[in-house]
Amino acid sequence: MANDQPDSREAARNEAEGLRTLAEAAREVGEKTRIAGENARRAAEEVRQAAMDAMHATAETMEATLEHMKVVEDMRRTLREIRDLNKLDAQ
């Protein structure tokens, strides 16, 4: 029986070493997962910012278009007034 104890201690040490190795591998996987998550978060933030920039650019374009439409409408109104005055002058 005295000979069995060293074998069981060695088996326990081997099992502990195997578990330590598994725990280290799991820690490494966890760290890689954390890094991947952080990279994904950064990428998502960049996409969000790009979408916000695009939205602002679209809003600015729409504002400029509206201003141009107002100018065109003012020009049309002025041309109608000129046309109407010319009709009156012609009579």
Protein backbone atom coordinates (compact mmCIF):
# COMPACT_ATOMS: atom_id res chain seq x y z
CA MET A 1 0.00 0.00 0.00
CA ALA A 2 2.88 2.34 0.67
CA ASN A 3 3.71 2.03 -3.00
CA ASP A 4 0.16 3.03 -4.01
CA GLN A 5 0.41 6.48 -2.42
CA PRO A 6 3.17 7.80 -4.67
CA ASP A 7 1.22 6.57 -7.71
CA SER A 8 -1.99 8.23 -6.56
CA ARG A 9 -0.10 11.44 -5.74
CA GLU A 10 1.47 11.37 -9.19
CA ALA A 11 -1.94 10.76 -10.77
CA ALA A 12 -3.39 13.66 -8.76
CA ARG A 13 -0.50 15.91 -9.86
CA ASN A 14 -1.01 14.86 -13.47
CA GLU A 15 -4.74 15.54 -13.22
CA ALA A 16 -4.08 18.92 -11.61
CA GLU A 17 -1.59 19.77 -14.34
CA GLY A 18 -4.11 18.73 -16.99
CA LEU A 19 -6.78 20.92 -15.37
CA ARG A 20 -4.31 23.81 -15.12
CA THR A 21 -3.53 23.42 -18.82
CA LEU A 22 -7.25 23.39 -19.65
CA ALA A 23 -7.83 26.44 -17.47
CA GLU A 24 -4.98 28.29 -19.21
CA ALA A 25 -6.38 27.38 -22.63
CA ALA A 26 -9.84 28.56 -21.54
CA ARG A 27 -8.33 31.83 -20.26
CA GLU A 28 -6.59 32.35 -23.61
CA VAL A 29 -9.83 31.68 -25.48
CA GLY A 30 -11.62 34.08 -23.16
CA GLU A 31 -9.02 36.76 -23.80
CA LYS A 32 -9.29 36.26 -27.56
CA THR A 33 -13.07 36.49 -27.26
CA ARG A 34 -12.77 39.69 -25.20
CA ILE A 35 -10.45 41.22 -27.80
CA ALA A 36 -12.78 40.18 -30.64
CA GLY A 37 -15.70 41.70 -28.76
CA GLU A 38 -13.81 44.93 -28.26
CA ASN A 39 -12.88 45.03 -31.95
CA ALA A 40 -16.50 44.40 -32.89
CA ARG A 41 -17.61 47.20 -30.54
CA ARG A 42 -15.11 49.59 -32.13
CA ALA A 43 -16.22 48.59 -35.63
CA ALA A 44 -19.88 49.07 -34.67
CA GLU A 45 -19.07 52.53 -33.30
CA GLU A 46 -17.30 53.44 -36.56
CA VAL A 47 -20.31 52.24 -38.55
CA ARG A 48 -22.65 54.21 -36.27
CA GLN A 49 -20.54 57.34 -36.72
CA ALA A 50 -20.44 56.86 -40.50
CA ALA A 51 -24.22 56.48 -40.54
CA MET A 52 -24.61 59.66 -38.49
CA ASP A 53 -22.24 61.51 -40.84
CA ALA A 54 -24.25 60.27 -43.84
CA MET A 55 -27.49 61.34 -42.18
CA HIS A 56 -26.09 64.83 -41.50
CA ALA A 57 -24.83 65.11 -45.07
CA THR A 58 -28.26 64.07 -46.36
CA ALA A 59 -29.96 66.66 -44.13
CA GLU A 60 -27.59 69.36 -45.38
CA THR A 61 -28.26 68.35 -48.99
CA MET A 62 -32.00 68.46 -48.39
CA GLU A 63 -31.72 71.91 -46.80
CA ALA A 64 -29.73 73.18 -49.79
CA THR A 65 -32.25 71.63 -52.19
CA LEU A 66 -35.11 73.31 -50.34
CA GLU A 67 -33.33 76.66 -50.55
CA HIS A 68 -32.81 76.16 -54.29
CA MET A 69 -36.46 75.27 -54.72
CA LYS A 70 -37.42 78.49 -52.90
CA VAL A 71 -35.18 80.52 -55.21
CA VAL A 72 -36.70 78.84 -58.28
CA GLU A 73 -40.22 79.52 -56.99
CA ASP A 74 -39.32 83.17 -56.39
CA MET A 75 -37.94 83.38 -59.93
CA ARG A 76 -41.14 81.84 -61.34
CA ARG A 77 -43.26 84.26 -59.35
CA THR A 78 -41.19 87.18 -60.64
CA LEU A 79 -41.44 85.94 -64.23
CA ARG A 80 -45.23 85.55 -63.91
CA GLU A 81 -45.45 89.09 -62.58
CA ILE A 82 -43.33 90.36 -65.49
CA ARG A 83 -45.48 88.41 -67.96
CA ASP A 84 -48.65 89.81 -66.43
CA LEU A 85 -47.27 93.36 -66.56
CA ASN A 86 -46.28 92.88 -70.21
CA LYS A 87 -49.82 91.69 -70.99
CA LEU A 88 -51.21 94.84 -69.37
CA ASP A 89 -48.74 97.05 -71.24
CA ALA A 90 -49.62 95.37 -74.52
CA GLN A 91 -53.29 96.20 -74.12
